[in-house]
Amino acid sequence: MYFYKPKNTIELYQELTFSDSYEEIQNLILEGYEENFAEEDFENIQNNTAIRVGQFSLFEYHNTSYIIMTSPGTEKLKVLAVEELPEDIREFFMGIAN
């Protein structure tokens, strides 16, 4: 039996915060997306204390996008809030994956 970690935002936060090195967390980055998470990002996460850890899902449709805030670290996701994104923020998120 395999247990895949991290399986939610809380576990991801813990992995990033308590890892000993940037190289140690390289296996968390999906192949082909390495340039989206720099060593400087890792160091910034390690050298600062998070004020809040949130978990969000982004649903993109043809003409609109929604961000859905869910409960981090729970056994079953619970929806906490749903917001339609303004066009400029929608474009920002659409540009991340490219």
Protein backbone atom coordinates (compact mmCIF):
# COMPACT_ATOMS: atom_id res chain seq x y z
CA MET A 1 0.00 0.00 0.00
CA TYR A 2 1.34 3.44 -0.93
CA PHE A 3 0.58 6.72 0.78
CA TYR A 4 1.07 9.69 -1.51
CA LYS A 5 2.06 12.93 0.16
CA PRO A 6 1.34 15.70 0.09
CA LYS A 7 -2.36 15.06 -0.49
CA ASN A 8 -3.66 18.47 0.58
CA THR A 9 -2.55 22.04 1.14
CA ILE A 10 -1.61 21.55 4.79
CA GLU A 11 0.75 18.67 3.93
CA LEU A 12 2.23 20.67 1.05
CA TYR A 13 2.87 23.59 3.39
CA GLN A 14 4.59 21.27 5.88
CA GLU A 15 6.74 19.67 3.17
CA LEU A 16 7.89 23.06 1.86
CA THR A 17 8.43 24.59 5.29
CA PHE A 18 10.29 21.72 6.93
CA SER A 19 12.34 20.33 4.03
CA ASP A 20 16.09 20.55 4.48
CA SER A 21 16.88 21.70 0.95
CA TYR A 22 15.45 22.81 -2.37
CA GLU A 23 16.72 19.58 -3.92
CA GLU A 24 14.69 17.58 -1.40
CA ILE A 25 11.41 19.02 -2.67
CA GLN A 26 12.20 18.65 -6.37
CA ASN A 27 10.02 15.52 -6.47
CA LEU A 28 6.98 17.69 -5.64
CA ILE A 29 7.29 19.58 -8.93
CA LEU A 30 5.53 18.08 -11.93
CA GLU A 31 7.94 17.33 -14.77
CA GLY A 32 8.02 20.21 -17.23
CA TYR A 33 7.00 22.81 -14.63
CA GLU A 34 10.35 23.15 -12.86
CA GLU A 35 10.80 26.77 -13.96
CA ASN A 36 7.60 27.75 -12.13
CA PHE A 37 9.14 27.15 -8.68
CA ALA A 38 12.56 28.69 -8.20
CA GLU A 39 14.99 28.10 -5.38
CA GLU A 40 14.39 31.72 -4.32
CA ASP A 41 10.68 30.89 -3.88
CA PHE A 42 11.59 27.93 -1.70
CA GLU A 43 13.94 30.04 0.43
CA ASN A 44 11.29 32.75 0.85
CA ILE A 45 8.77 30.15 2.05
CA GLN A 46 11.30 28.71 4.49
CA ASN A 47 12.41 32.09 5.85
CA ASN A 48 8.93 33.46 6.56
CA THR A 49 6.00 32.38 8.69
CA ALA A 50 2.70 31.89 6.90
CA ILE A 51 -0.14 34.04 8.19
CA ARG A 52 -2.71 31.67 6.72
CA VAL A 53 -2.71 28.50 4.63
CA GLY A 54 -5.69 28.37 2.28
CA GLN A 55 -6.78 25.79 -0.24
CA PHE A 56 -8.33 26.90 -3.52
CA SER A 57 -9.61 25.34 -6.72
CA LEU A 58 -9.86 27.25 -9.98
CA PHE A 59 -12.64 26.35 -12.42
CA GLU A 60 -12.18 27.88 -15.87
CA TYR A 61 -14.98 28.06 -18.41
CA HIS A 62 -15.14 29.74 -21.84
CA ASN A 63 -16.07 33.22 -20.60
CA THR A 64 -15.66 33.11 -16.86
CA SER A 65 -13.60 31.60 -14.06
CA TYR A 66 -14.45 30.79 -10.46
CA ILE A 67 -12.18 30.41 -7.48
CA ILE A 68 -13.49 28.06 -4.83
CA MET A 69 -12.04 28.17 -1.33
CA THR A 70 -12.16 24.79 0.38
CA SER A 71 -11.28 23.49 3.81
CA PRO A 72 -7.56 22.59 3.94
CA GLY A 73 -6.48 19.42 5.71
CA THR A 74 -9.93 17.89 6.12
CA GLU A 75 -10.80 14.33 5.16
CA LYS A 76 -13.47 15.54 2.73
CA LEU A 77 -13.38 18.91 0.99
CA LYS A 78 -15.95 21.41 2.20
CA VAL A 79 -16.70 24.55 0.21
CA LEU A 80 -16.05 27.72 2.20
CA ALA A 81 -16.57 30.35 -0.53
CA VAL A 82 -17.12 30.73 -4.28
CA GLU A 83 -16.20 33.88 -6.20
CA GLU A 84 -16.32 34.73 -9.88
CA LEU A 85 -12.97 36.19 -10.90
CA PRO A 86 -12.66 39.67 -12.40
CA GLU A 87 -11.29 39.58 -15.96
CA ASP A 88 -7.77 40.81 -15.06
CA ILE A 89 -7.33 38.16 -12.37
CA ARG A 90 -8.81 35.50 -14.68
CA GLU A 91 -6.21 36.42 -17.31
CA PHE A 92 -3.45 36.24 -14.69
CA PHE A 93 -4.40 32.68 -13.71
CA MET A 94 -4.82 31.61 -17.32
CA GLY A 95 -1.27 32.84 -17.98
CA ILE A 96 0.29 30.77 -15.17
CA ALA A 97 -0.21 27.43 -16.90
CA ASN A 98 1.29 28.60 -20.19
